[in-house]
């Protein structure tokens, strides 16, 4: 799992799915990973988690994408990627 970006050049009516940008590719671990303790819910499965991505164009033309991600360490992080086309 990870964070991918796809652009629209017509205000969202169509999407350039032939050109996908990979911002992160480390957003999880195999679902068959060992169960680990969770103080709120007992035990959790080995699944990773990533989502709620939001992007904005910055003044210099770069794009900032903010999201949460649970990588292989099992800890959920608030993270961002600054990228350019």
N, C-alpha and C. Protein backbone atom coordinates (compact mmCIF):
# COMPACT_ATOMS: atom_id res chain seq x y z
N UNK A 1 0.84 -1.18 0.00
CA UNK A 1 0.00 0.00 0.00
C UNK A 1 0.88 1.23 0.00
N UNK A 2 0.29 2.34 -0.38
CA UNK A 2 1.04 3.58 -0.43
C UNK A 2 0.18 4.73 -0.84
N UNK A 3 0.82 5.80 -1.27
CA UNK A 3 0.13 7.00 -1.73
C UNK A 3 0.47 7.21 -3.20
N UNK A 4 -0.56 7.33 -4.03
CA UNK A 4 -0.41 7.56 -5.46
C UNK A 4 -1.15 8.84 -5.83
N UNK A 5 -0.70 9.50 -6.87
CA UNK A 5 -1.37 10.70 -7.36
C UNK A 5 -1.67 10.54 -8.84
N UNK A 6 -2.83 11.02 -9.23
CA UNK A 6 -3.25 11.06 -10.63
C UNK A 6 -3.79 12.46 -10.87
N UNK A 7 -3.43 13.05 -12.00
CA UNK A 7 -3.81 14.43 -12.29
C UNK A 7 -4.99 14.52 -13.24
N UNK A 8 -5.73 15.61 -13.10
CA UNK A 8 -6.79 15.98 -14.02
C UNK A 8 -6.41 17.31 -14.64
N UNK A 9 -6.61 17.43 -15.93
CA UNK A 9 -6.30 18.68 -16.61
C UNK A 9 -7.57 19.43 -17.03
N UNK A 10 -8.73 18.94 -16.57
CA UNK A 10 -10.00 19.55 -16.93
C UNK A 10 -10.94 19.66 -15.73
N UNK A 11 -10.36 20.04 -14.59
CA UNK A 11 -11.13 20.26 -13.36
C UNK A 11 -11.87 19.01 -12.87
N UNK A 12 -11.27 17.85 -13.08
CA UNK A 12 -11.83 16.62 -12.54
C UNK A 12 -12.82 15.87 -13.41
N UNK A 13 -13.05 16.33 -14.63
CA UNK A 13 -13.96 15.60 -15.52
C UNK A 13 -13.33 14.33 -16.05
N UNK A 14 -12.01 14.33 -16.21
CA UNK A 14 -11.29 13.12 -16.62
C UNK A 14 -9.96 13.10 -15.89
N UNK A 15 -9.34 11.92 -15.85
CA UNK A 15 -8.10 11.74 -15.10
C UNK A 15 -7.06 11.06 -15.96
N UNK A 16 -5.82 11.50 -15.85
CA UNK A 16 -4.70 10.97 -16.63
C UNK A 16 -4.14 9.71 -15.96
N UNK A 17 -4.91 8.63 -16.01
CA UNK A 17 -4.54 7.40 -15.32
C UNK A 17 -3.34 6.69 -15.96
N UNK A 18 -2.93 7.10 -17.14
CA UNK A 18 -1.73 6.53 -17.75
C UNK A 18 -0.46 7.04 -17.07
N UNK A 19 -0.58 8.13 -16.31
CA UNK A 19 0.57 8.73 -15.63
C UNK A 19 0.26 8.83 -14.14
N UNK A 20 0.67 7.82 -13.41
CA UNK A 20 0.45 7.78 -11.96
C UNK A 20 1.76 8.10 -11.26
N UNK A 21 1.71 8.97 -10.27
CA UNK A 21 2.88 9.34 -9.50
C UNK A 21 2.87 8.56 -8.19
N UNK A 22 3.96 7.87 -7.88
CA UNK A 22 4.08 7.12 -6.64
C UNK A 22 4.76 8.03 -5.62
N UNK A 23 4.01 8.44 -4.59
CA UNK A 23 4.57 9.31 -3.57
C UNK A 23 5.16 8.51 -2.42
N UNK A 24 4.52 7.40 -2.06
CA UNK A 24 5.02 6.48 -1.03
C UNK A 24 4.61 5.08 -1.44
N UNK A 25 5.46 4.11 -1.16
CA UNK A 25 5.08 2.71 -1.43
C UNK A 25 5.36 1.82 -0.22
N UNK A 26 5.38 2.43 0.95
CA UNK A 26 5.69 1.69 2.16
C UNK A 26 4.57 1.79 3.19
N UNK A 27 3.34 1.88 2.73
CA UNK A 27 2.23 2.12 3.64
C UNK A 27 1.55 0.88 4.15
N UNK A 28 2.29 -0.09 4.56
CA UNK A 28 1.65 -1.27 5.12
C UNK A 28 2.58 -2.44 5.13
N UNK A 29 2.04 -3.53 5.50
CA UNK A 29 2.79 -4.77 5.59
C UNK A 29 1.80 -5.88 5.34
N UNK A 30 2.25 -7.05 5.06
CA UNK A 30 1.35 -8.14 4.66
C UNK A 30 0.27 -8.42 5.70
N UNK A 31 -0.92 -8.76 5.21
CA UNK A 31 -2.03 -9.04 6.11
C UNK A 31 -1.81 -10.31 6.91
N UNK A 32 -0.83 -11.13 6.52
CA UNK A 32 -0.55 -12.34 7.29
C UNK A 32 0.55 -12.10 8.32
N UNK A 33 0.92 -10.84 8.54
CA UNK A 33 1.92 -10.52 9.56
C UNK A 33 1.38 -10.91 10.94
N UNK A 34 2.27 -11.17 11.89
CA UNK A 34 1.81 -11.56 13.22
C UNK A 34 0.92 -10.49 13.85
N UNK A 35 -0.01 -10.93 14.66
CA UNK A 35 -0.87 -10.00 15.38
C UNK A 35 -0.04 -9.29 16.44
N UNK A 36 -0.36 -8.05 16.70
CA UNK A 36 0.39 -7.29 17.69
C UNK A 36 -0.59 -6.69 18.70
N UNK A 37 -0.14 -6.42 19.91
CA UNK A 37 -1.05 -5.88 20.93
C UNK A 37 -1.49 -4.47 20.61
N UNK A 38 -2.68 -4.15 21.04
CA UNK A 38 -3.24 -2.80 20.90
C UNK A 38 -4.00 -2.52 22.19
N UNK A 39 -3.58 -1.50 22.91
CA UNK A 39 -4.16 -1.24 24.23
C UNK A 39 -5.64 -0.87 24.15
N UNK A 40 -6.10 -0.38 23.01
CA UNK A 40 -7.50 0.02 22.89
C UNK A 40 -8.41 -1.13 22.48
N UNK A 41 -7.90 -2.09 21.70
CA UNK A 41 -8.78 -3.10 21.12
C UNK A 41 -8.26 -4.51 21.29
N UNK A 42 -7.41 -4.76 22.23
CA UNK A 42 -6.89 -6.11 22.39
C UNK A 42 -5.76 -6.36 21.42
N UNK A 43 -5.99 -7.14 20.38
CA UNK A 43 -4.97 -7.37 19.36
C UNK A 43 -5.47 -6.88 18.02
N UNK A 44 -4.53 -6.58 17.16
CA UNK A 44 -4.85 -6.11 15.81
C UNK A 44 -4.25 -7.06 14.80
N UNK A 45 -4.83 -7.06 13.62
CA UNK A 45 -4.25 -7.84 12.53
C UNK A 45 -3.00 -7.16 12.04
N UNK A 46 -2.24 -7.81 11.19
CA UNK A 46 -1.00 -7.25 10.68
C UNK A 46 -1.17 -6.28 9.54
N UNK A 47 -2.37 -5.84 9.28
CA UNK A 47 -2.60 -4.95 8.14
C UNK A 47 -2.08 -3.54 8.39
N UNK A 48 -1.57 -2.95 7.33
CA UNK A 48 -1.15 -1.56 7.40
C UNK A 48 -2.33 -0.65 7.12
N UNK A 49 -2.09 0.61 7.14
CA UNK A 49 -3.16 1.56 6.93
C UNK A 49 -2.56 2.83 6.35
N UNK A 50 -3.30 3.46 5.46
CA UNK A 50 -2.85 4.70 4.85
C UNK A 50 -4.08 5.41 4.30
N UNK A 51 -4.11 6.73 4.37
CA UNK A 51 -5.27 7.37 3.79
C UNK A 51 -5.45 8.83 4.13
N UNK A 52 -6.64 9.30 3.76
CA UNK A 52 -7.07 10.68 3.93
C UNK A 52 -6.07 11.66 3.34
N UNK A 53 -5.57 11.35 2.16
CA UNK A 53 -4.60 12.23 1.50
C UNK A 53 -5.28 13.51 1.00
N UNK A 54 -4.61 14.62 1.21
CA UNK A 54 -5.04 15.93 0.72
C UNK A 54 -3.84 16.62 0.12
N UNK A 55 -4.03 17.26 -1.03
CA UNK A 55 -2.92 17.93 -1.72
C UNK A 55 -3.26 19.38 -1.98
N UNK A 56 -2.21 20.20 -2.01
CA UNK A 56 -2.37 21.60 -2.37
C UNK A 56 -1.13 22.04 -3.14
N UNK A 57 -1.32 22.93 -4.08
CA UNK A 57 -0.18 23.48 -4.82
C UNK A 57 0.39 24.65 -4.04
N UNK A 58 1.70 24.64 -3.85
CA UNK A 58 2.38 25.70 -3.12
C UNK A 58 2.77 26.83 -4.08
N UNK A 59 3.15 27.96 -3.52
CA UNK A 59 3.48 29.16 -4.32
C UNK A 59 4.58 28.91 -5.34
N UNK A 60 5.51 28.00 -5.04
CA UNK A 60 6.62 27.73 -5.97
C UNK A 60 6.25 26.70 -7.04
N UNK A 61 4.99 26.25 -7.07
CA UNK A 61 4.54 25.28 -8.08
C UNK A 61 4.66 23.84 -7.64
N UNK A 62 5.33 23.58 -6.52
CA UNK A 62 5.39 22.20 -6.02
C UNK A 62 4.05 21.84 -5.37
N UNK A 63 3.86 20.56 -5.12
CA UNK A 63 2.62 20.07 -4.53
C UNK A 63 2.95 19.44 -3.18
N UNK A 64 2.15 19.74 -2.17
CA UNK A 64 2.30 19.15 -0.86
C UNK A 64 1.12 18.24 -0.61
N UNK A 65 1.40 16.97 -0.36
CA UNK A 65 0.36 15.99 -0.07
C UNK A 65 0.54 15.52 1.37
N UNK A 66 -0.51 15.64 2.18
CA UNK A 66 -0.49 15.27 3.59
C UNK A 66 -1.42 14.07 3.78
N UNK A 67 -1.05 13.14 4.66
CA UNK A 67 -1.81 11.91 4.85
C UNK A 67 -1.39 11.25 6.16
N UNK A 68 -2.09 10.19 6.53
CA UNK A 68 -1.59 9.37 7.63
C UNK A 68 -1.14 8.04 7.04
N UNK A 69 -0.20 7.39 7.71
CA UNK A 69 0.35 6.15 7.19
C UNK A 69 0.81 5.27 8.35
N UNK A 70 0.54 3.99 8.24
CA UNK A 70 1.05 3.01 9.21
C UNK A 70 1.98 2.08 8.45
N UNK A 71 3.27 2.33 8.50
CA UNK A 71 4.23 1.48 7.78
C UNK A 71 4.54 0.21 8.58
N UNK A 72 5.59 -0.47 8.20
CA UNK A 72 5.94 -1.77 8.78
C UNK A 72 6.21 -1.71 10.28
N UNK A 73 6.51 -0.52 10.83
CA UNK A 73 6.77 -0.44 12.27
C UNK A 73 5.49 -0.53 13.09
N UNK A 74 4.32 -0.51 12.43
CA UNK A 74 3.05 -0.63 13.13
C UNK A 74 2.59 0.62 13.84
N UNK A 75 3.33 1.72 13.69
CA UNK A 75 2.98 2.98 14.35
C UNK A 75 2.37 3.91 13.30
N UNK A 76 1.21 4.49 13.62
CA UNK A 76 0.57 5.42 12.69
C UNK A 76 1.21 6.79 12.80
N UNK A 77 1.57 7.35 11.65
CA UNK A 77 2.26 8.63 11.57
C UNK A 77 1.43 9.62 10.74
N UNK A 78 1.48 10.89 11.09
CA UNK A 78 1.04 11.95 10.20
C UNK A 78 2.26 12.25 9.34
N UNK A 79 2.08 12.31 8.03
CA UNK A 79 3.23 12.49 7.14
C UNK A 79 2.85 13.36 5.95
N UNK A 80 3.86 13.80 5.22
CA UNK A 80 3.60 14.56 4.00
C UNK A 80 4.71 14.29 3.00
N UNK A 81 4.39 14.52 1.74
CA UNK A 81 5.36 14.44 0.66
C UNK A 81 5.24 15.73 -0.16
N UNK A 82 6.36 16.39 -0.37
CA UNK A 82 6.40 17.56 -1.25
C UNK A 82 6.99 17.07 -2.57
N UNK A 83 6.27 17.32 -3.68
CA UNK A 83 6.70 16.78 -4.95
C UNK A 83 6.41 17.76 -6.08
N UNK A 84 7.03 17.47 -7.22
CA UNK A 84 6.87 18.31 -8.41
C UNK A 84 6.51 17.44 -9.60
N UNK A 85 5.87 18.05 -10.57
CA UNK A 85 5.52 17.33 -11.80
C UNK A 85 6.71 17.17 -12.69
